[in-house]
Amino acid sequence: MSEYLEMALPYPPSVNHYWRHTKAGTHYISKEGKAFRAKVLNICKQFDPFLGPVKIKMEVYYPDNRSRDPDNLQKALFDSLTASGLIKDDNNKIIKDYRVVGMNEIRKGGMVVIKIKGLENA
């Protein structure tokens, strides 16, 4: 596969809103995280999965002008891509290269355009 698969995904919850923790130390996905994951799974199911290593570009359209920590977005996105089966895992053996670009255009509700390319010889 030499070209990128491109898809628009909803703006993800930050890692602080994606995961919740009980007092006993159990981790679980929040209601907001589950809703995001369900939307991503619904979008990803229409594409064939990548069977090996990938390169990922993310174009982030923020929902407003507030300052944000861009690395908070990746966890929910990568977990959802893995849960959908589009990529095998979100570890360094599968995601060989990724880039996050903050776009200068604000979009109501936010959005992330994901571009994934299979790396045959990685």
PDB file of N, CA and C in Angstrom:
ATOM      1  N   MET A   1       0.857  -1.181   0.000  1.00  0.00           N
ATOM      2  CA  MET A   1       0.000   0.000   0.000  1.00  0.00           C
ATOM      3  C   MET A   1       0.894   1.233   0.000  1.00  0.00           C
ATOM      4  N   SER A   2       0.892   2.002  -1.052  1.00  0.00           N
ATOM      5  CA  SER A   2       1.802   3.126  -1.155  1.00  0.00           C
ATOM      6  C   SER A   2       1.145   4.464  -0.843  1.00  0.00           C
ATOM      7  N   GLU A   3      -0.161   4.526  -0.827  1.00  0.00           N
ATOM      8  CA  GLU A   3      -0.852   5.771  -0.548  1.00  0.00           C
ATOM      9  C   GLU A   3      -1.414   5.760   0.869  1.00  0.00           C
ATOM     10  N   TYR A   4      -1.731   6.949   1.344  1.00  0.00           N
ATOM     11  CA  TYR A   4      -2.317   7.084   2.676  1.00  0.00           C
ATOM     12  C   TYR A   4      -3.814   6.826   2.649  1.00  0.00           C
ATOM     13  N   LEU A   5      -4.304   6.157   3.676  1.00  0.00           N
ATOM     14  CA  LEU A   5      -5.733   6.100   3.947  1.00  0.00           C
ATOM     15  C   LEU A   5      -6.023   7.359   4.753  1.00  0.00           C
ATOM     16  N   GLU A   6      -6.983   8.142   4.332  1.00  0.00           N
ATOM     17  CA  GLU A   6      -7.304   9.392   5.024  1.00  0.00           C
ATOM     18  C   GLU A   6      -8.736   9.344   5.517  1.00  0.00           C
ATOM     19  N   MET A   7      -8.925   9.724   6.786  1.00  0.00           N
ATOM     20  CA  MET A   7     -10.280   9.774   7.342  1.00  0.00           C
ATOM     21  C   MET A   7     -10.384  10.875   8.391  1.00  0.00           C
ATOM     22  N   ALA A   8     -11.546  11.473   8.461  1.00  0.00           N
ATOM     23  CA  ALA A   8     -11.824  12.504   9.458  1.00  0.00           C
ATOM     24  C   ALA A   8     -12.471  11.843  10.670  1.00  0.00           C
ATOM     25  N   LEU A   9     -11.898  12.096  11.834  1.00  0.00           N
ATOM     26  CA  LEU A   9     -12.407  11.530  13.080  1.00  0.00           C
ATOM     27  C   LEU A   9     -12.831  12.658  14.014  1.00  0.00           C
ATOM     28  N   PRO A  10     -13.732  12.362  14.936  1.00  0.00           N
ATOM     29  CA  PRO A  10     -14.112  13.389  15.903  1.00  0.00           C
ATOM     30  C   PRO A  10     -12.919  13.762  16.777  1.00  0.00           C
ATOM     31  N   TYR A  11     -12.997  14.934  17.373  1.00  0.00           N
ATOM     32  CA  TYR A  11     -11.950  15.389  18.285  1.00  0.00           C
ATOM     33  C   TYR A  11     -11.978  14.504  19.536  1.00  0.00           C
ATOM     34  N   PRO A  12     -10.845  13.933  19.906  1.00  0.00           N
ATOM     35  CA  PRO A  12     -10.842  12.982  21.021  1.00  0.00           C
ATOM     36  C   PRO A  12     -10.840  13.666  22.381  1.00  0.00           C
ATOM     37  N   PRO A  13     -11.321  12.949  23.393  1.00  0.00           N
ATOM     38  CA  PRO A  13     -11.154  13.461  24.752  1.00  0.00           C
ATOM     39  C   PRO A  13      -9.671  13.390  25.114  1.00  0.00           C
ATOM     40  N   SER A  14      -9.230  14.288  25.980  1.00  0.00           N
ATOM     41  CA  SER A  14      -7.836  14.225  26.431  1.00  0.00           C
ATOM     42  C   SER A  14      -7.647  12.961  27.253  1.00  0.00           C
ATOM     43  N   VAL A  15      -6.408  12.583  27.451  1.00  0.00           N
ATOM     44  CA  VAL A  15      -6.121  11.384  28.236  1.00  0.00           C
ATOM     45  C   VAL A  15      -6.713  11.517  29.643  1.00  0.00           C
ATOM     46  N   ASN A  16      -6.801  12.746  30.142  1.00  0.00           N
ATOM     47  CA  ASN A  16      -7.370  12.994  31.474  1.00  0.00           C
ATOM     48  C   ASN A  16      -8.876  12.745  31.525  1.00  0.00           C
ATOM     49  N   HIS A  17      -9.534  12.824  30.380  1.00  0.00           N
ATOM     50  CA  HIS A  17     -10.982  12.566  30.326  1.00  0.00           C
ATOM     51  C   HIS A  17     -11.314  11.199  29.744  1.00  0.00           C
ATOM     52  N   TYR A  18     -10.345  10.570  29.130  1.00  0.00           N
ATOM     53  CA  TYR A  18     -10.550   9.255  28.517  1.00  0.00           C
ATOM     54  C   TYR A  18     -10.529   8.140  29.560  1.00  0.00           C
ATOM     55  N   TRP A  19      -9.562   8.197  30.447  1.00  0.00           N
ATOM     56  CA  TRP A  19      -9.413   7.166  31.485  1.00  0.00           C
ATOM     57  C   TRP A  19      -9.953   7.645  32.815  1.00  0.00           C
ATOM     58  N   ARG A  20     -10.524   6.738  33.568  1.00  0.00           N
ATOM     59  CA  ARG A  20     -10.966   6.976  34.946  1.00  0.00           C
ATOM     60  C   ARG A  20     -10.319   5.915  35.817  1.00  0.00           C
ATOM     61  N   HIS A  21     -10.258   6.199  37.105  1.00  0.00           N
ATOM     62  CA  HIS A  21      -9.606   5.288  38.043  1.00  0.00           C
ATOM     63  C   HIS A  21     -10.454   5.164  39.307  1.00  0.00           C
ATOM     64  N   THR A  22     -10.599   3.952  39.779  1.00  0.00           N
ATOM     65  CA  THR A  22     -11.311   3.736  41.041  1.00  0.00           C
ATOM     66  C   THR A  22     -10.328   3.944  42.196  1.00  0.00           C
ATOM     67  N   LYS A  23     -10.855   4.061  43.395  1.00  0.00           N
ATOM     68  CA  LYS A  23      -9.992   4.198  44.575  1.00  0.00           C
ATOM     69  C   LYS A  23      -9.120   2.959  44.764  1.00  0.00           C
ATOM     70  N   ALA A  24      -9.581   1.823  44.265  1.00  0.00           N
ATOM     71  CA  ALA A  24      -8.820   0.573  44.371  1.00  0.00           C
ATOM     72  C   ALA A  24      -7.720   0.483  43.311  1.00  0.00           C
ATOM     73  N   GLY A  25      -7.659   1.467  42.414  1.00  0.00           N
ATOM     74  CA  GLY A  25      -6.607   1.482  41.407  1.00  0.00           C
ATOM     75  C   GLY A  25      -6.969   0.862  40.074  1.00  0.00           C
ATOM     76  N   THR A  26      -8.227   0.466  39.915  1.00  0.00           N
ATOM     77  CA  THR A  26      -8.662  -0.097  38.633  1.00  0.00           C
ATOM     78  C   THR A  26      -8.830   1.028  37.618  1.00  0.00           C
ATOM     79  N   HIS A  27      -8.345   0.796  36.404  1.00  0.00           N
ATOM     80  CA  HIS A  27      -8.474   1.779  35.331  1.00  0.00           C
ATOM     81  C   HIS A  27      -9.590   1.340  34.390  1.00  0.00           C
ATOM     82  N   TYR A  28     -10.368   2.299  33.920  1.00  0.00           N
ATOM     83  CA  TYR A  28     -11.424   1.997  32.965  1.00  0.00           C
ATOM     84  C   TYR A  28     -11.663   3.201  32.066  1.00  0.00           C
ATOM     85  N   ILE A  29     -12.253   2.942  30.915  1.00  0.00           N
ATOM     86  CA  ILE A  29     -12.550   4.011  29.963  1.00  0.00           C
ATOM     87  C   ILE A  29     -13.821   4.726  30.406  1.00  0.00           C
ATOM     88  N   SER A  30     -13.759   6.042  30.410  1.00  0.00           N
ATOM     89  CA  SER A  30     -14.887   6.867  30.839  1.00  0.00           C
ATOM     90  C   SER A  30     -16.053   6.774  29.854  1.00  0.00           C
ATOM     91  N   LYS A  31     -17.192   7.287  30.258  1.00  0.00           N
ATOM     92  CA  LYS A  31     -18.360   7.342  29.379  1.00  0.00           C
ATOM     93  C   LYS A  31     -18.033   8.156  28.124  1.00  0.00           C
ATOM     94  N   GLU A  32     -17.345   9.270  28.305  1.00  0.00           N
ATOM     95  CA  GLU A  32     -16.928  10.110  27.177  1.00  0.00           C
ATOM     96  C   GLU A  32     -15.964   9.346  26.266  1.00  0.00           C
ATOM     97  N   GLY A  33     -15.049   8.598  26.870  1.00  0.00           N
ATOM     98  CA  GLY A  33     -14.101   7.791  26.104  1.00  0.00           C
ATOM     99  C   GLY A  33     -14.788   6.695  25.313  1.00  0.00           C
ATOM    100  N   LYS A  34     -15.770   6.031  25.926  1.00  0.00           N
ATOM    101  CA  LYS A  34     -16.511   4.967  25.233  1.00  0.00           C
ATOM    102  C   LYS A  34     -17.301   5.523  24.052  1.00  0.00           C
ATOM    103  N   ALA A  35     -17.875   6.697  24.229  1.00  0.00           N
ATOM    104  CA  ALA A  35     -18.641   7.319  23.140  1.00  0.00           C
ATOM    105  C   ALA A  35     -17.707   7.674  21.979  1.00  0.00           C
ATOM    106  N   PHE A  36     -16.532   8.217  22.302  1.00  0.00           N
ATOM    107  CA  PHE A  36     -15.552   8.532  21.260  1.00  0.00           C
ATOM    108  C   PHE A  36     -15.122   7.266  20.536  1.00  0.00           C
ATOM    109  N   ARG A  37     -14.779   6.232  21.299  1.00  0.00           N
ATOM    110  CA  ARG A  37     -14.315   4.971  20.720  1.00  0.00           C
ATOM    111  C   ARG A  37     -15.375   4.373  19.789  1.00  0.00           C
ATOM    112  N   ALA A  38     -16.635   4.425  20.192  1.00  0.00           N
ATOM    113  CA  ALA A  38     -17.718   3.875  19.366  1.00  0.00           C
ATOM    114  C   ALA A  38     -17.811   4.609  18.028  1.00  0.00           C
ATOM    115  N   LYS A  39     -17.648   5.929  18.051  1.00  0.00           N
ATOM    116  CA  LYS A  39     -17.686   6.705  16.802  1.00  0.00           C
ATOM    117  C   LYS A  39     -16.532   6.307  15.884  1.00  0.00           C
ATOM    118  N   VAL A  40     -15.341   6.166  16.465  1.00  0.00           N
ATOM    119  CA  VAL A  40     -14.166   5.813  15.668  1.00  0.00           C
ATOM    120  C   VAL A  40     -14.323   4.406  15.092  1.00  0.00           C
ATOM    121  N   LEU A  41     -14.795   3.460  15.902  1.00  0.00           N
ATOM    122  CA  LEU A  41     -14.988   2.093  15.422  1.00  0.00           C
ATOM    123  C   LEU A  41     -15.956   2.065  14.249  1.00  0.00           C
ATOM    124  N   ASN A  42     -17.013   2.849  14.329  1.00  0.00           N
ATOM    125  CA  ASN A  42     -18.003   2.905  13.261  1.00  0.00           C
ATOM    126  C   ASN A  42     -17.389   3.433  11.958  1.00  0.00           C
ATOM    127  N   ILE A  43     -16.499   4.404  12.068  1.00  0.00           N
ATOM    128  CA  ILE A  43     -15.832   4.952  10.879  1.00  0.00           C
ATOM    129  C   ILE A  43     -14.817   3.951  10.328  1.00  0.00           C
ATOM    130  N   CYS A  44     -14.015   3.354  11.210  1.00  0.00           N
ATOM    131  CA  CYS A  44     -12.908   2.476  10.781  1.00  0.00           C
ATOM    132  C   CYS A  44     -13.374   1.155  10.181  1.00  0.00           C
ATOM    133  N   LYS A  45     -14.561   0.710  10.541  1.00  0.00           N
ATOM    134  CA  LYS A  45     -15.002  -0.606  10.065  1.00  0.00           C
ATOM    135  C   LYS A  45     -15.189  -0.672   8.553  1.00  0.00           C
ATOM    136  N   GLN A  46     -15.242   0.475   7.902  1.00  0.00           N
ATOM    137  CA  GLN A  46     -15.415   0.477   6.450  1.00  0.00           C
ATOM    138  C   GLN A  46     -14.097   0.316   5.685  1.00  0.00           C
ATOM    139  N   PHE A  47     -12.964   0.243   6.416  1.00  0.00           N
ATOM    140  CA  PHE A  47     -11.656   0.144   5.768  1.00  0.00           C
ATOM    141  C   PHE A  47     -10.984  -1.183   6.082  1.00  0.00           C
ATOM    142  N   ASP A  48     -10.155  -1.654   5.164  1.00  0.00           N
ATOM    143  CA  ASP A  48      -9.365  -2.862   5.396  1.00  0.00           C
ATOM    144  C   ASP A  48      -8.273  -2.559   6.413  1.00  0.00           C
ATOM    145  N   PRO A  49      -7.992  -3.513   7.292  1.00  0.00           N
ATOM    146  CA  PRO A  49      -6.965  -3.283   8.311  1.00  0.00           C
ATOM    147  C   PRO A  49      -5.556  -3.298   7.725  1.00  0.00           C
ATOM    148  N   PHE A  50      -4.660  -2.609   8.410  1.00  0.00           N
ATOM    149  CA  PHE A  50      -3.239  -2.653   8.084  1.00  0.00           C
ATOM    150  C   PHE A  50      -2.663  -3.851   8.817  1.00  0.00           C
ATOM    151  N   LEU A  51      -1.915  -4.680   8.121  1.00  0.00           N
ATOM    152  CA  LEU A  51      -1.429  -5.936   8.696  1.00  0.00           C
ATOM    153  C   LEU A  51      -0.049  -5.823   9.317  1.00  0.00           C
ATOM    154  N   GLY A  52       0.629  -4.720   9.102  1.00  0.00           N
ATOM    155  CA  GLY A  52       1.977  -4.567   9.631  1.00  0.00           C
ATOM    156  C   GLY A  52       2.226  -3.151  10.100  1.00  0.00           C
ATOM    157  N   PRO A  53       3.485  -2.749  10.105  1.00  0.00           N
ATOM    158  CA  PRO A  53       3.864  -1.415  10.573  1.00  0.00           C
ATOM    159  C   PRO A  53       3.233  -0.302   9.737  1.00  0.00           C
ATOM    160  N   VAL A  54       3.021   0.845  10.392  1.00  0.00           N
ATOM    161  CA  VAL A  54       2.385   1.985   9.731  1.00  0.00           C
ATOM    162  C   VAL A  54       3.079   3.293  10.084  1.00  0.00           C
ATOM    163  N   LYS A  55       2.777   4.263   9.254  1.00  0.00           N
ATOM    164  CA  LYS A  55       3.160   5.654   9.480  1.00  0.00           C
ATOM    165  C   LYS A  55       1.851   6.426   9.617  1.00  0.00           C
ATOM    166  N   ILE A  56       1.772   7.308  10.597  1.00  0.00           N
ATOM    167  CA  ILE A  56       0.521   8.035  10.848  1.00  0.00           C
ATOM    168  C   ILE A  56       0.786   9.535  10.910  1.00  0.00           C
ATOM    169  N   LYS A  57      -0.028  10.286  10.195  1.00  0.00           N
ATOM    170  CA  LYS A  57      -0.027  11.746  10.283  1.00  0.00           C
ATOM    171  C   LYS A  57      -1.377  12.163  10.858  1.00  0.00           C
ATOM    172  N   MET A  58      -1.349  13.096  11.782  1.00  0.00           N
ATOM    173  CA  MET A  58      -2.583  13.611  12.371  1.00  0.00           C
ATOM    174  C   MET A  58      -2.637  15.123  12.169  1.00  0.00           C
ATOM    175  N   GLU A  59      -3.699  15.587  11.551  1.00  0.00           N
ATOM    176  CA  GLU A  59      -3.935  17.021  11.410  1.00  0.00           C
ATOM    177  C   GLU A  59      -5.045  17.374  12.389  1.00  0.00           C
ATOM    178  N   VAL A  60      -4.711  18.168  13.385  1.00  0.00           N
ATOM    179  CA  VAL A  60      -5.641  18.470  14.474  1.00  0.00           C
ATOM    180  C   VAL A  60      -6.286  19.832  14.239  1.00  0.00           C
ATOM    181  N   TYR A  61      -7.602  19.823  14.199  1.00  0.00           N
ATOM    182  CA  TYR A  61      -8.400  21.044  14.127  1.00  0.00           C
ATOM    183  C   TYR A  61      -9.027  21.224  15.506  1.00  0.00           C
ATOM    184  N   TYR A  62      -8.490  22.156  16.270  1.00  0.00           N
ATOM    185  CA  TYR A  62      -8.939  22.346  17.654  1.00  0.00           C
ATOM    186  C   TYR A  62     -10.339  22.950  17.700  1.00  0.00           C
ATOM    187  N   PRO A  63     -11.083  22.642  18.767  1.00  0.00           N
ATOM    188  CA  PRO A  63     -12.456  23.150  18.869  1.00  0.00           C
ATOM    189  C   PRO A  63     -12.540  24.619  19.285  1.00  0.00           C
ATOM    190  N   ASP A  64     -11.444  25.183  19.792  1.00  0.00           N
ATOM    191  CA  ASP A  64     -11.429  26.575  20.233  1.00  0.00           C
ATOM    192  C   ASP A  64      -9.977  27.043  20.325  1.00  0.00           C
ATOM    193  N   ASN A  65      -9.789  28.249  20.797  1.00  0.00           N
ATOM    194  CA  ASN A  65      -8.449  28.849  20.846  1.00  0.00           C
ATOM    195  C   ASN A  65      -7.683  28.595  22.145  1.00  0.00           C
ATOM    196  N   ARG A  66      -8.206  27.782  23.032  1.00  0.00           N
ATOM    197  CA  ARG A  66      -7.502  27.540  24.297  1.00  0.00           C
ATOM    198  C   ARG A  66      -6.166  26.845  24.058  1.00  0.00           C
ATOM    199  N   SER A  67      -5.229  27.072  24.965  1.00  0.00           N
ATOM    200  CA  SER A  67      -3.961  26.339  24.923  1.00  0.00           C
ATOM    201  C   SER A  67      -4.222  24.893  25.289  1.00  0.00           C
ATOM    202  N   ARG A  68      -3.580  23.987  24.575  1.00  0.00           N
ATOM    203  CA  ARG A  68      -3.780  22.558  24.807  1.00  0.00           C
ATOM    204  C   ARG A  68      -2.452  21.833  24.727  1.00  0.00           C
ATOM    205  N   ASP A  69      -2.410  20.667  25.337  1.00  0.00           N
ATOM    206  CA  ASP A  69      -1.240  19.810  25.315  1.00  0.00           C
ATOM    207  C   ASP A  69      -1.483  18.752  24.230  1.00  0.00           C
ATOM    208  N   PRO A  70      -0.847  18.876  23.060  1.00  0.00           N
ATOM    209  CA  PRO A  70      -1.189  17.993  21.941  1.00  0.00           C
ATOM    210  C   PRO A  70      -0.938  16.508  22.203  1.00  0.00           C
ATOM    211  N   ASP A  71      -0.019  16.176  23.107  1.00  0.00           N
ATOM    212  CA  ASP A  71       0.225  14.747  23.329  1.00  0.00           C
ATOM    213  C   ASP A  71      -0.893  14.078  24.119  1.00  0.00           C
ATOM    214  N   ASN A  72      -1.833  14.850  24.647  1.00  0.00           N
ATOM    215  CA  ASN A  72      -3.001  14.278  25.320  1.00  0.00           C
ATOM    216  C   ASN A  72      -4.003  13.678  24.337  1.00  0.00           C
ATOM    217  N   LEU A  73      -3.899  14.000  23.066  1.00  0.00           N
ATOM    218  CA  LEU A  73      -4.856  13.528  22.067  1.00  0.00           C
ATOM    219  C   LEU A  73      -4.547  12.127  21.551  1.00  0.00           C
ATOM    220  N   GLN A  74      -3.294  11.774  21.528  1.00  0.00           N
ATOM    221  CA  GLN A  74      -2.872  10.558  20.854  1.00  0.00           C
ATOM    222  C   GLN A  74      -3.362   9.285  21.516  1.00  0.00           C
ATOM    223  N   LYS A  75      -3.420   9.230  22.822  1.00  0.00           N
ATOM    224  CA  LYS A  75      -3.785   7.993  23.511  1.00  0.00           C
ATOM    225  C   LYS A  75      -5.173   7.515  23.087  1.00  0.00           C
ATOM    226  N   ALA A  76      -6.162   8.376  23.145  1.00  0.00           N
ATOM    227  CA  ALA A  76      -7.525   7.986  22.761  1.00  0.00           C
ATOM    228  C   ALA A  76      -7.590   7.601  21.289  1.00  0.00           C
ATOM    229  N   LEU A  77      -6.882   8.334  20.443  1.00  0.00           N
ATOM    230  CA  LEU A  77      -6.884   8.027  19.012  1.00  0.00           C
ATOM    231  C   LEU A  77      -6.227   6.680  18.728  1.00  0.00           C
ATOM    232  N   PHE A  78      -5.025   6.468  19.260  1.00  0.00           N
ATOM    233  CA  PHE A  78      -4.317   5.218  19.004  1.00  0.00           C
ATOM    234  C   PHE A  78      -5.067   4.023  19.595  1.00  0.00           C
ATOM    235  N   ASP A  79      -5.600   4.174  20.807  1.00  0.00           N
ATOM    236  CA  ASP A  79      -6.375   3.078  21.420  1.00  0.00           C
ATOM    237  C   ASP A  79      -7.589   2.722  20.573  1.00  0.00           C
ATOM    238  N   SER A  80      -8.252   3.723  20.044  1.00  0.00           N
ATOM    239  CA  SER A  80      -9.449   3.477  19.241  1.00  0.00           C
ATOM    240  C   SER A  80      -9.110   2.847  17.889  1.00  0.00           C
ATOM    241  N   LEU A  81      -8.011   3.279  17.274  1.00  0.00           N
ATOM    242  CA  LEU A  81      -7.584   2.658  16.013  1.00  0.00           C
ATOM    243  C   LEU A  81      -7.241   1.186  16.230  1.00  0.00           C
ATOM    244  N   THR A  82      -6.639   0.887  17.389  1.00  0.00           N
ATOM    245  CA  THR A  82      -6.307  -0.502  17.722  1.00  0.00           C
ATOM    246  C   THR A  82      -7.575  -1.303  18.018  1.00  0.00           C
ATOM    247  N   ALA A  83      -8.479  -0.745  18.816  1.00  0.00           N
ATOM    248  CA  ALA A  83      -9.726  -1.440  19.158  1.00  0.00           C
ATOM    249  C   ALA A  83     -10.561  -1.731  17.920  1.00  0.00           C
ATOM    250  N   SER A  84     -10.472  -0.858  16.922  1.00  0.00           N
ATOM    251  CA  SER A  84     -11.234  -1.059  15.688  1.00  0.00           C
ATOM    252  C   SER A  84     -10.640  -2.167  14.824  1.00  0.00           C
ATOM    253  N   GLY A  85      -9.379  -2.520  15.095  1.00  0.00           N
ATOM    254  CA  GLY A  85      -8.699  -3.509  14.272  1.00  0.00           C
ATOM    255  C   GLY A  85      -8.022  -2.907  13.047  1.00  0.00           C
ATOM    256  N   LEU A  86      -8.113  -1.586  12.890  1.00  0.00           N
ATOM    257  CA  LEU A  86      -7.494  -0.944  11.728  1.00  0.00           C
ATOM    258  C   LEU A  86      -5.966  -1.084  11.791  1.00  0.00           C
ATOM    259  N   ILE A  87      -5.409  -0.958  12.988  1.00  0.00           N
ATOM    260  CA  ILE A  87      -3.989  -1.255  13.193  1.00  0.00           C
ATOM    261  C   ILE A  87      -3.893  -2.347  14.245  1.00  0.00           C
ATOM    262  N   LYS A  88      -2.808  -3.141  14.200  1.00  0.00           N
ATOM    263  CA  LYS A  88      -2.680  -4.302  15.088  1.00  0.00           C
ATOM    264  C   LYS A  88      -2.467  -3.910  16.543  1.00  0.00           C
ATOM    265  N   ASP A  89      -1.727  -2.839  16.775  1.00  0.00           N
ATOM    266  CA  ASP A  89      -1.400  -2.415  18.134  1.00  0.00           C
ATOM    267  C   ASP A  89      -0.927  -0.969  18.048  1.00  0.00           C
ATOM    268  N   ASP A  90      -0.818  -0.335  19.209  1.00  0.00           N
ATOM    269  CA  ASP A  90      -0.322   1.040  19.194  1.00  0.00           C
ATOM    270  C   ASP A  90       1.070   1.117  19.821  1.00  0.00           C
ATOM    271  N   ASN A  91       1.845   0.064  19.648  1.00  0.00           N
ATOM    272  CA  ASN A  91       3.204   0.066  20.191  1.00  0.00           C
ATOM    273  C   ASN A  91       4.215   0.487  19.119  1.00  0.00           C
ATOM    274  N   ASN A  92       5.488   0.576  19.543  1.00  0.00           N
ATOM    275  CA  ASN A  92       6.531   1.052  18.639  1.00  0.00           C
ATOM    276  C   ASN A  92       6.894   0.056  17.539  1.00  0.00           C
ATOM    277  N   LYS A  93       6.444  -1.174  17.632  1.00  0.00           N
ATOM    278  CA  LYS A  93       6.705  -2.147  16.569  1.00  0.00           C
ATOM    279  C   LYS A  93       5.717  -1.970  15.411  1.00  0.00           C
ATOM    280  N   ILE A  94       4.562  -1.387  15.694  1.00  0.00           N
ATOM    281  CA  ILE A  94       3.533  -1.153  14.670  1.00  0.00           C
ATOM    282  C   ILE A  94       3.553   0.299  14.202  1.00  0.00           C
ATOM    283  N   ILE A  95       3.503   1.240  15.117  1.00  0.00           N
ATOM    284  CA  ILE A  95       3.541   2.656  14.743  1.00  0.00           C
ATOM    285  C   ILE A  95       5.004   3.078  14.709  1.00  0.00           C
ATOM    286  N   LYS A  96       5.569   3.032  13.514  1.00  0.00           N
ATOM    287  CA  LYS A  96       6.989   3.323  13.317  1.00  0.00           C
ATOM    288  C   LYS A  96       7.275   4.821  13.223  1.00  0.00           C
ATOM    289  N   ASP A  97       6.285   5.570  12.803  1.00  0.00           N
ATOM    290  CA  ASP A  97       6.493   6.988  12.564  1.00  0.00           C
ATOM    291  C   ASP A  97       5.142   7.676  12.724  1.00  0.00           C
ATOM    292  N   TYR A  98       5.090   8.722  13.509  1.00  0.00           N
ATOM    293  CA  TYR A  98       3.859   9.504  13.560  1.00  0.00           C
ATOM    294  C   TYR A  98       4.191  10.970  13.758  1.00  0.00           C
ATOM    295  N   ARG A  99       3.277  11.780  13.275  1.00  0.00           N
ATOM    296  CA  ARG A  99       3.446  13.228  13.335  1.00  0.00           C
ATOM    297  C   ARG A  99       2.100  13.857  13.649  1.00  0.00           C
ATOM    298  N   VAL A 100       2.131  14.846  14.511  1.00  0.00           N
ATOM    299  CA  VAL A 100       0.924  15.589  14.865  1.00  0.00           C
ATOM    300  C   VAL A 100       1.131  17.037  14.420  1.00  0.00           C
ATOM    301  N   VAL A 101       0.197  17.533  13.621  1.00  0.00           N
ATOM    302  CA  VAL A 101       0.268  18.909  13.149  1.00  0.00           C
ATOM    303  C   VAL A 101      -0.987  19.636  13.616  1.00  0.00           C
ATOM    304  N   GLY A 102      -0.795  20.687  14.380  1.00  0.00           N
ATOM    305  CA  GLY A 102      -1.920  21.530  14.787  1.00  0.00           C
ATOM    306  C   GLY A 102      -2.253  22.499  13.662  1.00  0.00           C
ATOM    307  N   MET A 103      -3.451  22.394  13.163  1.00  0.00           N
ATOM    308  CA  MET A 103      -3.863  23.259  12.057  1.00  0.00           C
ATOM    309  C   MET A 103      -4.277  24.619  12.623  1.00  0.00           C
ATOM    310  N   ASN A 104      -4.163  25.651  11.829  1.00  0.00           N
ATOM    311  CA  ASN A 104      -4.477  27.007  12.279  1.00  0.00           C
ATOM    312  C   ASN A 104      -5.953  27.350  12.139  1.00  0.00           C
ATOM    313  N   GLU A 105      -6.756  26.377  11.801  1.00  0.00           N
ATOM    314  CA  GLU A 105      -8.187  26.602  11.595  1.00  0.00           C
ATOM    315  C   GLU A 105      -8.973  25.966  12.745  1.00  0.00           C
ATOM    316  N   ILE A 106      -9.802  26.757  13.393  1.00  0.00           N
ATOM    317  CA  ILE A 106     -10.661  26.255  14.460  1.00  0.00           C
ATOM    318  C   ILE A 106     -11.907  25.636  13.826  1.00  0.00           C
ATOM    319  N   ARG A 107     -12.315  24.461  14.311  1.00  0.00           N
ATOM    320  CA  ARG A 107     -13.536  23.799  13.834  1.00  0.00           C
ATOM    321  C   ARG A 107     -14.453  23.571  15.023  1.00  0.00           C
ATOM    322  N   LYS A 108     -15.695  23.919  14.891  1.00  0.00           N
ATOM    323  CA  LYS A 108     -16.649  23.715  15.969  1.00  0.00           C
ATOM    324  C   LYS A 108     -16.676  22.232  16.353  1.00  0.00           C
ATOM    325  N   GLY A 109     -16.447  21.940  17.612  1.00  0.00           N
ATOM    326  CA  GLY A 109     -16.414  20.565  18.083  1.00  0.00           C
ATOM    327  C   GLY A 109     -15.063  19.894  17.896  1.00  0.00           C
ATOM    328  N   GLY A 110     -14.220  20.477  17.041  1.00  0.00           N
ATOM    329  CA  GLY A 110     -12.902  19.912  16.771  1.00  0.00           C
ATOM    330  C   GLY A 110     -12.964  18.720  15.840  1.00  0.00           C
ATOM    331  N   MET A 111     -11.812  18.338  15.306  1.00  0.00           N
ATOM    332  CA  MET A 111     -11.733  17.216  14.383  1.00  0.00           C
ATOM    333  C   MET A 111     -10.261  16.842  14.220  1.00  0.00           C
ATOM    334  N   VAL A 112     -10.016  15.578  13.930  1.00  0.00           N
ATOM    335  CA  VAL A 112      -8.664  15.132  13.613  1.00  0.00           C
ATOM    336  C   VAL A 112      -8.719  14.370  12.291  1.00  0.00           C
ATOM    337  N   VAL A 113      -7.914  14.801  11.340  1.00  0.00           N
ATOM    338  CA  VAL A 113      -7.786  14.077  10.078  1.00  0.00           C
ATOM    339  C   VAL A 113      -6.587  13.143  10.243  1.00  0.00           C
ATOM    340  N   ILE A 114      -6.857  11.858  10.141  1.00  0.00           N
ATOM    341  CA  ILE A 114      -5.828  10.829  10.305  1.00  0.00           C
ATOM    342  C   ILE A 114      -5.437  10.325   8.918  1.00  0.00           C
ATOM    343  N   LYS A 115      -4.140  10.232   8.683  1.00  0.00           N
ATOM    344  CA  LYS A 115      -3.623   9.668   7.441  1.00  0.00           C
ATOM    345  C   LYS A 115      -2.707   8.515   7.833  1.00  0.00           C
ATOM    346  N   ILE A 116      -3.027   7.309   7.354  1.00  0.00           N
ATOM    347  CA  ILE A 116      -2.259   6.116   7.708  1.00  0.00           C
ATOM    348  C   ILE A 116      -1.699   5.484   6.439  1.00  0.00           C
ATOM    349  N   LYS A 117      -0.428   5.142   6.514  1.00  0.00           N
ATOM    350  CA  LYS A 117       0.239   4.498   5.376  1.00  0.00           C
ATOM    351  C   LYS A 117       0.913   3.226   5.865  1.00  0.00           C
ATOM    352  N   GLY A 118       0.679   2.128   5.173  1.00  0.00           N
ATOM    353  CA  GLY A 118       1.351   0.885   5.489  1.00  0.00           C
ATOM    354  C   GLY A 118       2.797   0.929   5.063  1.00  0.00           C
ATOM    355  N   LEU A 119       3.678   0.363   5.887  1.00  0.00           N
ATOM    356  CA  LEU A 119       5.111   0.319   5.586  1.00  0.00           C
ATOM    357  C   LEU A 119       5.480  -1.132   5.322  1.00  0.00           C
ATOM    358  N   GLU A 120       5.522  -1.511   4.085  1.00  0.00           N
ATOM    359  CA  GLU A 120       5.755  -2.901   3.710  1.00  0.00           C
ATOM    360  C   GLU A 120       7.108  -3.424   4.173  1.00  0.00           C
ATOM    361  N   ASN A 121       8.117  -2.608   4.083  1.00  0.00           N
ATOM    362  CA  ASN A 121       9.481  -3.087   4.355  1.00  0.00           C
ATOM    363  C   ASN A 121      10.054  -2.535   5.656  1.00  0.00           C
ATOM    364  N   ALA A 122       9.215  -2.271   6.623  1.00  0.00           N
ATOM    365  CA  ALA A 122       9.712  -1.704   7.888  1.00  0.00           C
ATOM    366  C   ALA A 122      10.236  -2.777   8.813  1.00  0.00           C
TER     367      ALA A 122
END
